[in-house]
Amino acid sequence: MPPVSADISEEITRLSGHVGQFREILDAEADTPAGRTLDFLAQEMLRESNTIGSKCNDAQISRCVVELKSAIDRIKEQVQNVE
C-alpha cells in the first residue's frame, strides 16, 4: 500500500498568500520600510513548508520541501539586508 499523505491544501493556500504578499511588498514604493515585514513573511513561509513536510509521507514532496526550505533560507539572508 502506498504511503498516505495528509491534506496539505490549507498550508499550500497560506504559503501562496505569503508569497503573494511578499511580491506586493517588493513591488511597492521604495520609501516604505519593508525589511521586518519581509523577514516575518519569510518566517511564515518557512513555518508552512515545515508543516507540509511534517504532514506528508511522500518522498517527492519531502524533496520539494527541502528545496523550498533552502530557497526560503536564502531569501531570509537577503531580507536581512533590506531596510
PDB file of N, CA and C in Angstrom:
ATOM      1  N   MET A   1       0.841  -1.179   0.000  1.00  0.00           N
ATOM      2  CA  MET A   1       0.000   0.000   0.000  1.00  0.00           C
ATOM      3  C   MET A   1       0.886   1.244   0.000  1.00  0.00           C
ATOM      4  N   PRO A   2       0.655   2.203  -0.909  1.00  0.00           N
ATOM      5  CA  PRO A   2       1.470   3.422  -0.954  1.00  0.00           C
ATOM      6  C   PRO A   2       1.230   4.280   0.282  1.00  0.00           C
ATOM      7  N   PRO A   3       2.231   5.113   0.663  1.00  0.00           N
ATOM      8  CA  PRO A   3       2.059   5.967   1.830  1.00  0.00           C
ATOM      9  C   PRO A   3       0.933   6.974   1.605  1.00  0.00           C
ATOM     10  N   VAL A   4       0.218   7.258   2.671  1.00  0.00           N
ATOM     11  CA  VAL A   4      -0.893   8.202   2.596  1.00  0.00           C
ATOM     12  C   VAL A   4      -0.400   9.558   3.071  1.00  0.00           C
ATOM     13  N   SER A   5      -0.630  10.595   2.280  1.00  0.00           N
ATOM     14  CA  SER A   5      -0.255  11.947   2.664  1.00  0.00           C
ATOM     15  C   SER A   5      -1.463  12.667   3.233  1.00  0.00           C
ATOM     16  N   ALA A   6      -1.218  13.472   4.225  1.00  0.00           N
ATOM     17  CA  ALA A   6      -2.282  14.266   4.823  1.00  0.00           C
ATOM     18  C   ALA A   6      -2.676  15.382   3.866  1.00  0.00           C
ATOM     19  N   ASP A   7      -3.823  15.953   4.114  1.00  0.00           N
ATOM     20  CA  ASP A   7      -4.286  17.075   3.313  1.00  0.00           C
ATOM     21  C   ASP A   7      -3.449  18.302   3.659  1.00  0.00           C
ATOM     22  N   ILE A   8      -2.758  18.831   2.671  1.00  0.00           N
ATOM     23  CA  ILE A   8      -1.896  19.995   2.873  1.00  0.00           C
ATOM     24  C   ILE A   8      -2.413  21.216   2.117  1.00  0.00           C
ATOM     25  N   SER A   9      -3.664  21.168   1.700  1.00  0.00           N
ATOM     26  CA  SER A   9      -4.203  22.270   0.896  1.00  0.00           C
ATOM     27  C   SER A   9      -4.230  23.591   1.665  1.00  0.00           C
ATOM     28  N   GLU A  10      -4.535  23.550   2.959  1.00  0.00           N
ATOM     29  CA  GLU A  10      -4.536  24.791   3.742  1.00  0.00           C
ATOM     30  C   GLU A  10      -3.148  25.409   3.803  1.00  0.00           C
ATOM     31  N   GLU A  11      -2.143  24.584   4.010  1.00  0.00           N
ATOM     32  CA  GLU A  11      -0.773  25.088   4.088  1.00  0.00           C
ATOM     33  C   GLU A  11      -0.333  25.665   2.752  1.00  0.00           C
ATOM     34  N   ILE A  12      -0.706  24.998   1.671  1.00  0.00           N
ATOM     35  CA  ILE A  12      -0.349  25.497   0.343  1.00  0.00           C
ATOM     36  C   ILE A  12      -1.047  26.818   0.074  1.00  0.00           C
ATOM     37  N   THR A  13      -2.306  26.950   0.483  1.00  0.00           N
ATOM     38  CA  THR A  13      -3.042  28.199   0.301  1.00  0.00           C
ATOM     39  C   THR A  13      -2.386  29.323   1.093  1.00  0.00           C
ATOM     40  N   ARG A  14      -2.040  29.053   2.346  1.00  0.00           N
ATOM     41  CA  ARG A  14      -1.393  30.086   3.164  1.00  0.00           C
ATOM     42  C   ARG A  14      -0.016  30.442   2.605  1.00  0.00           C
ATOM     43  N   LEU A  15       0.748  29.434   2.186  1.00  0.00           N
ATOM     44  CA  LEU A  15       2.064  29.677   1.608  1.00  0.00           C
ATOM     45  C   LEU A  15       1.945  30.549   0.363  1.00  0.00           C
ATOM     46  N   SER A  16       0.980  30.253  -0.471  1.00  0.00           N
ATOM     47  CA  SER A  16       0.752  31.047  -1.672  1.00  0.00           C
ATOM     48  C   SER A  16       0.391  32.488  -1.310  1.00  0.00           C
ATOM     49  N   GLY A  17      -0.426  32.656  -0.288  1.00  0.00           N
ATOM     50  CA  GLY A  17      -0.788  34.002   0.161  1.00  0.00           C
ATOM     51  C   GLY A  17       0.420  34.777   0.659  1.00  0.00           C
ATOM     52  N   HIS A  18       1.300  34.108   1.412  1.00  0.00           N
ATOM     53  CA  HIS A  18       2.517  34.764   1.905  1.00  0.00           C
ATOM     54  C   HIS A  18       3.418  35.182   0.745  1.00  0.00           C
ATOM     55  N   VAL A  19       3.544  34.305  -0.237  1.00  0.00           N
ATOM     56  CA  VAL A  19       4.371  34.623  -1.409  1.00  0.00           C
ATOM     57  C   VAL A  19       3.778  35.824  -2.155  1.00  0.00           C
ATOM     58  N   GLY A  20       2.460  35.837  -2.318  1.00  0.00           N
ATOM     59  CA  GLY A  20       1.802  36.962  -2.986  1.00  0.00           C
ATOM     60  C   GLY A  20       2.023  38.268  -2.249  1.00  0.00           C
ATOM     61  N   GLN A  21       1.880  38.241  -0.932  1.00  0.00           N
ATOM     62  CA  GLN A  21       2.091  39.442  -0.140  1.00  0.00           C
ATOM     63  C   GLN A  21       3.549  39.884  -0.208  1.00  0.00           C
ATOM     64  N   PHE A  22       4.467  38.934  -0.204  1.00  0.00           N
ATOM     65  CA  PHE A  22       5.899  39.222  -0.324  1.00  0.00           C
ATOM     66  C   PHE A  22       6.166  39.962  -1.631  1.00  0.00           C
ATOM     67  N   ARG A  23       5.582  39.464  -2.719  1.00  0.00           N
ATOM     68  CA  ARG A  23       5.762  40.105  -4.029  1.00  0.00           C
ATOM     69  C   ARG A  23       5.178  41.514  -4.052  1.00  0.00           C
ATOM     70  N   GLU A  24       4.006  41.690  -3.436  1.00  0.00           N
ATOM     71  CA  GLU A  24       3.389  43.018  -3.382  1.00  0.00           C
ATOM     72  C   GLU A  24       4.298  44.014  -2.676  1.00  0.00           C
ATOM     73  N   ILE A  25       4.904  43.582  -1.587  1.00  0.00           N
ATOM     74  CA  ILE A  25       5.807  44.470  -0.848  1.00  0.00           C
ATOM     75  C   ILE A  25       7.023  44.806  -1.687  1.00  0.00           C
ATOM     76  N   LEU A  26       7.559  43.835  -2.394  1.00  0.00           N
ATOM     77  CA  LEU A  26       8.718  44.102  -3.254  1.00  0.00           C
ATOM     78  C   LEU A  26       8.377  45.082  -4.370  1.00  0.00           C
ATOM     79  N   ASP A  27       7.125  45.033  -4.842  1.00  0.00           N
ATOM     80  CA  ASP A  27       6.696  45.921  -5.919  1.00  0.00           C
ATOM     81  C   ASP A  27       6.245  47.296  -5.422  1.00  0.00           C
ATOM     82  N   ALA A  28       6.134  47.476  -4.101  1.00  0.00           N
ATOM     83  CA  ALA A  28       5.634  48.725  -3.528  1.00  0.00           C
ATOM     84  C   ALA A  28       6.684  49.829  -3.645  1.00  0.00           C
ATOM     85  N   GLU A  29       6.272  51.011  -3.255  1.00  0.00           N
ATOM     86  CA  GLU A  29       7.164  52.171  -3.270  1.00  0.00           C
ATOM     87  C   GLU A  29       8.415  51.898  -2.446  1.00  0.00           C
ATOM     88  N   ALA A  30       9.535  52.376  -2.937  1.00  0.00           N
ATOM     89  CA  ALA A  30      10.817  52.135  -2.283  1.00  0.00           C
ATOM     90  C   ALA A  30      10.938  52.874  -0.949  1.00  0.00           C
ATOM     91  N   ASP A  31      10.148  53.904  -0.730  1.00  0.00           N
ATOM     92  CA  ASP A  31      10.268  54.675   0.511  1.00  0.00           C
ATOM     93  C   ASP A  31       9.545  54.028   1.694  1.00  0.00           C
ATOM     94  N   THR A  32       8.879  52.909   1.451  1.00  0.00           N
ATOM     95  CA  THR A  32       8.184  52.197   2.522  1.00  0.00           C
ATOM     96  C   THR A  32       9.131  51.179   3.151  1.00  0.00           C
ATOM     97  N   PRO A  33       9.401  51.281   4.468  1.00  0.00           N
ATOM     98  CA  PRO A  33      10.274  50.288   5.102  1.00  0.00           C
ATOM     99  C   PRO A  33       9.646  48.896   5.035  1.00  0.00           C
ATOM    100  N   ALA A  34      10.417  47.922   4.594  1.00  0.00           N
ATOM    101  CA  ALA A  34       9.836  46.601   4.362  1.00  0.00           C
ATOM    102  C   ALA A  34      10.625  45.455   4.985  1.00  0.00           C
ATOM    103  N   GLY A  35      11.802  45.719   5.496  1.00  0.00           N
ATOM    104  CA  GLY A  35      12.670  44.646   5.964  1.00  0.00           C
ATOM    105  C   GLY A  35      12.042  43.713   6.982  1.00  0.00           C
ATOM    106  N   ARG A  36      11.457  44.279   8.029  1.00  0.00           N
ATOM    107  CA  ARG A  36      10.876  43.438   9.075  1.00  0.00           C
ATOM    108  C   ARG A  36       9.679  42.648   8.564  1.00  0.00           C
ATOM    109  N   THR A  37       8.868  43.284   7.734  1.00  0.00           N
ATOM    110  CA  THR A  37       7.700  42.598   7.187  1.00  0.00           C
ATOM    111  C   THR A  37       8.126  41.451   6.289  1.00  0.00           C
ATOM    112  N   LEU A  38       9.130  41.686   5.450  1.00  0.00           N
ATOM    113  CA  LEU A  38       9.625  40.626   4.573  1.00  0.00           C
ATOM    114  C   LEU A  38      10.226  39.489   5.390  1.00  0.00           C
ATOM    115  N   ASP A  39      10.936  39.822   6.450  1.00  0.00           N
ATOM    116  CA  ASP A  39      11.512  38.798   7.313  1.00  0.00           C
ATOM    117  C   ASP A  39      10.406  37.977   7.975  1.00  0.00           C
ATOM    118  N   PHE A  40       9.362  38.650   8.446  1.00  0.00           N
ATOM    119  CA  PHE A  40       8.229  37.951   9.056  1.00  0.00           C
ATOM    120  C   PHE A  40       7.567  37.013   8.046  1.00  0.00           C
ATOM    121  N   LEU A  41       7.327  37.509   6.827  1.00  0.00           N
ATOM    122  CA  LEU A  41       6.692  36.677   5.801  1.00  0.00           C
ATOM    123  C   LEU A  41       7.564  35.478   5.447  1.00  0.00           C
ATOM    124  N   ALA A  42       8.870  35.682   5.363  1.00  0.00           N
ATOM    125  CA  ALA A  42       9.778  34.563   5.084  1.00  0.00           C
ATOM    126  C   ALA A  42       9.700  33.525   6.198  1.00  0.00           C
ATOM    127  N   GLN A  43       9.606  33.990   7.442  1.00  0.00           N
ATOM    128  CA  GLN A  43       9.478  33.066   8.574  1.00  0.00           C
ATOM    129  C   GLN A  43       8.168  32.293   8.483  1.00  0.00           C
ATOM    130  N   GLU A  44       7.087  32.958   8.088  1.00  0.00           N
ATOM    131  CA  GLU A  44       5.796  32.291   7.929  1.00  0.00           C
ATOM    132  C   GLU A  44       5.845  31.272   6.787  1.00  0.00           C
ATOM    133  N   MET A  45       6.534  31.614   5.696  1.00  0.00           N
ATOM    134  CA  MET A  45       6.688  30.667   4.585  1.00  0.00           C
ATOM    135  C   MET A  45       7.446  29.427   5.056  1.00  0.00           C
ATOM    136  N   LEU A  46       8.470  29.641   5.869  1.00  0.00           N
ATOM    137  CA  LEU A  46       9.239  28.526   6.411  1.00  0.00           C
ATOM    138  C   LEU A  46       8.365  27.659   7.322  1.00  0.00           C
ATOM    139  N   ARG A  47       7.540  28.292   8.118  1.00  0.00           N
ATOM    140  CA  ARG A  47       6.638  27.559   9.008  1.00  0.00           C
ATOM    141  C   ARG A  47       5.669  26.683   8.207  1.00  0.00           C
ATOM    142  N   GLU A  48       5.091  27.249   7.148  1.00  0.00           N
ATOM    143  CA  GLU A  48       4.157  26.473   6.317  1.00  0.00           C
ATOM    144  C   GLU A  48       4.871  25.313   5.634  1.00  0.00           C
ATOM    145  N   SER A  49       6.083  25.547   5.144  1.00  0.00           N
ATOM    146  CA  SER A  49       6.810  24.463   4.478  1.00  0.00           C
ATOM    147  C   SER A  49       7.177  23.364   5.480  1.00  0.00           C
ATOM    148  N   ASN A  50       7.503  23.737   6.705  1.00  0.00           N
ATOM    149  CA  ASN A  50       7.772  22.731   7.741  1.00  0.00           C
ATOM    150  C   ASN A  50       6.531  21.893   8.023  1.00  0.00           C
ATOM    151  N   THR A  51       5.383  22.538   8.079  1.00  0.00           N
ATOM    152  CA  THR A  51       4.142  21.813   8.334  1.00  0.00           C
ATOM    153  C   THR A  51       3.833  20.857   7.194  1.00  0.00           C
ATOM    154  N   ILE A  52       4.046  21.306   5.968  1.00  0.00           N
ATOM    155  CA  ILE A  52       3.829  20.434   4.809  1.00  0.00           C
ATOM    156  C   ILE A  52       4.732  19.209   4.915  1.00  0.00           C
ATOM    157  N   GLY A  53       5.997  19.448   5.230  1.00  0.00           N
ATOM    158  CA  GLY A  53       6.931  18.335   5.370  1.00  0.00           C
ATOM    159  C   GLY A  53       6.547  17.374   6.477  1.00  0.00           C
ATOM    160  N   SER A  54       6.019  17.910   7.567  1.00  0.00           N
ATOM    161  CA  SER A  54       5.611  17.065   8.693  1.00  0.00           C
ATOM    162  C   SER A  54       4.386  16.227   8.374  1.00  0.00           C
ATOM    163  N   LYS A  55       3.486  16.780   7.577  1.00  0.00           N
ATOM    164  CA  LYS A  55       2.232  16.083   7.283  1.00  0.00           C
ATOM    165  C   LYS A  55       2.371  15.015   6.205  1.00  0.00           C
ATOM    166  N   CYS A  56       3.352  15.142   5.337  1.00  0.00           N
ATOM    167  CA  CYS A  56       3.443  14.261   4.170  1.00  0.00           C
ATOM    168  C   CYS A  56       4.385  13.094   4.403  1.00  0.00           C
ATOM    169  N   ASN A  57       3.975  11.955   3.876  1.00  0.00           N
ATOM    170  CA  ASN A  57       4.814  10.760   3.895  1.00  0.00           C
ATOM    171  C   ASN A  57       5.241  10.403   2.481  1.00  0.00           C
ATOM    172  N   ASP A  58       5.343  11.396   1.632  1.00  0.00           N
ATOM    173  CA  ASP A  58       5.650  11.194   0.218  1.00  0.00           C
ATOM    174  C   ASP A  58       7.074  11.684  -0.049  1.00  0.00           C
ATOM    175  N   ALA A  59       7.902  10.824  -0.619  1.00  0.00           N
ATOM    176  CA  ALA A  59       9.311  11.159  -0.843  1.00  0.00           C
ATOM    177  C   ALA A  59       9.482  12.340  -1.786  1.00  0.00           C
ATOM    178  N   GLN A  60       8.676  12.414  -2.829  1.00  0.00           N
ATOM    179  CA  GLN A  60       8.801  13.509  -3.789  1.00  0.00           C
ATOM    180  C   GLN A  60       8.439  14.845  -3.130  1.00  0.00           C
ATOM    181  N   ILE A  61       7.381  14.858  -2.339  1.00  0.00           N
ATOM    182  CA  ILE A  61       7.003  16.085  -1.644  1.00  0.00           C
ATOM    183  C   ILE A  61       8.076  16.455  -0.629  1.00  0.00           C
ATOM    184  N   SER A  62       8.642  15.471   0.044  1.00  0.00           N
ATOM    185  CA  SER A  62       9.716  15.734   1.007  1.00  0.00           C
ATOM    186  C   SER A  62      10.912  16.384   0.337  1.00  0.00           C
ATOM    187  N   ARG A  63      11.273  15.902  -0.846  1.00  0.00           N
ATOM    188  CA  ARG A  63      12.381  16.517  -1.588  1.00  0.00           C
ATOM    189  C   ARG A  63      12.051  17.956  -1.956  1.00  0.00           C
ATOM    190  N   CYS A  64      10.825  18.189  -2.382  1.00  0.00           N
ATOM    191  CA  CYS A  64      10.391  19.556  -2.731  1.00  0.00           C
ATOM    192  C   CYS A  64      10.424  20.473  -1.509  1.00  0.00           C
ATOM    193  N   VAL A  65      10.023  19.942  -0.355  1.00  0.00           N
ATOM    194  CA  VAL A  65      10.038  20.732   0.871  1.00  0.00           C
ATOM    195  C   VAL A  65      11.465  21.124   1.239  1.00  0.00           C
ATOM    196  N   VAL A  66      12.403  20.210   1.091  1.00  0.00           N
ATOM    197  CA  VAL A  66      13.806  20.520   1.382  1.00  0.00           C
ATOM    198  C   VAL A  66      14.302  21.641   0.460  1.00  0.00           C
ATOM    199  N   GLU A  67      13.976  21.559  -0.812  1.00  0.00           N
ATOM    200  CA  GLU A  67      14.371  22.611  -1.757  1.00  0.00           C
ATOM    201  C   GLU A  67      13.702  23.934  -1.403  1.00  0.00           C
ATOM    202  N   LEU A  68      12.426  23.879  -1.050  1.00  0.00           N
ATOM    203  CA  LEU A  68      11.681  25.080  -0.675  1.00  0.00           C
ATOM    204  C   LEU A  68      12.292  25.733   0.555  1.00  0.00           C
ATOM    205  N   LYS A  69      12.585  24.939   1.566  1.00  0.00           N
ATOM    206  CA  LYS A  69      13.171  25.485   2.787  1.00  0.00           C
ATOM    207  C   LYS A  69      14.539  26.099   2.518  1.00  0.00           C
ATOM    208  N   SER A  70      15.311  25.489   1.638  1.00  0.00           N
ATOM    209  CA  SER A  70      16.611  26.038   1.274  1.00  0.00           C
ATOM    210  C   SER A  70      16.450  27.397   0.581  1.00  0.00           C
ATOM    211  N   ALA A  71      15.477  27.495  -0.315  1.00  0.00           N
ATOM    212  CA  ALA A  71      15.220  28.758  -1.008  1.00  0.00           C
ATOM    213  C   ALA A  71      14.747  29.833  -0.027  1.00  0.00           C
ATOM    214  N   ILE A  72      13.891  29.461   0.902  1.00  0.00           N
ATOM    215  CA  ILE A  72      13.397  30.430   1.892  1.00  0.00           C
ATOM    216  C   ILE A  72      14.535  30.893   2.791  1.00  0.00           C
ATOM    217  N   ASP A  73      15.446  29.996   3.156  1.00  0.00           N
ATOM    218  CA  ASP A  73      16.609  30.396   3.954  1.00  0.00           C
ATOM    219  C   ASP A  73      17.459  31.423   3.201  1.00  0.00           C
ATOM    220  N   ARG A  74      17.624  31.225   1.898  1.00  0.00           N
ATOM    221  CA  ARG A  74      18.367  32.206   1.096  1.00  0.00           C
ATOM    222  C   ARG A  74      17.637  33.542   1.066  1.00  0.00           C
ATOM    223  N   ILE A  75      16.314  33.492   0.967  1.00  0.00           N
ATOM    224  CA  ILE A  75      15.507  34.727   0.989  1.00  0.00           C
ATOM    225  C   ILE A  75      15.697  35.431   2.327  1.00  0.00           C
ATOM    226  N   LYS A  76      15.647  34.680   3.414  1.00  0.00           N
ATOM    227  CA  LYS A  76      15.821  35.285   4.741  1.00  0.00           C
ATOM    228  C   LYS A  76      17.169  35.976   4.865  1.00  0.00           C
ATOM    229  N   GLU A  77      18.213  35.395   4.298  1.00  0.00           N
ATOM    230  CA  GLU A  77      19.530  36.023   4.321  1.00  0.00           C
ATOM    231  C   GLU A  77      19.519  37.349   3.568  1.00  0.00           C
ATOM    232  N   GLN A  78      18.855  37.376   2.427  1.00  0.00           N
ATOM    233  CA  GLN A  78      18.772  38.602   1.619  1.00  0.00           C
ATOM    234  C   GLN A  78      17.913  39.669   2.291  1.00  0.00           C
ATOM    235  N   VAL A  79      16.835  39.253   2.914  1.00  0.00           N
ATOM    236  CA  VAL A  79      15.902  40.188   3.553  1.00  0.00           C
ATOM    237  C   VAL A  79      16.586  40.923   4.697  1.00  0.00           C
ATOM    238  N   GLN A  80      17.519  40.284   5.357  1.00  0.00           N
ATOM    239  CA  GLN A  80      18.201  40.927   6.462  1.00  0.00           C
ATOM    240  C   GLN A  80      18.986  42.161   6.012  1.00  0.00           C
ATOM    241  N   ASN A  81      19.241  42.280   4.728  1.00  0.00           N
ATOM    242  CA  ASN A  81      19.944  43.448   4.184  1.00  0.00           C
ATOM    243  C   ASN A  81      19.012  44.541   3.710  1.00  0.00           C
ATOM    244  N   VAL A  82      17.694  44.319   3.851  1.00  0.00           N
ATOM    245  CA  VAL A  82      16.700  45.286   3.396  1.00  0.00           C
ATOM    246  C   VAL A  82      16.315  46.176   4.569  1.00  0.00           C
ATOM    247  N   GLU A  83      16.279  47.473   4.334  1.00  0.00           N
ATOM    248  CA  GLU A  83      15.865  48.428   5.380  1.00  0.00           C
ATOM    249  C   GLU A  83      14.374  48.561   5.409  1.00  0.00           C
TER     250      GLU A  83
END
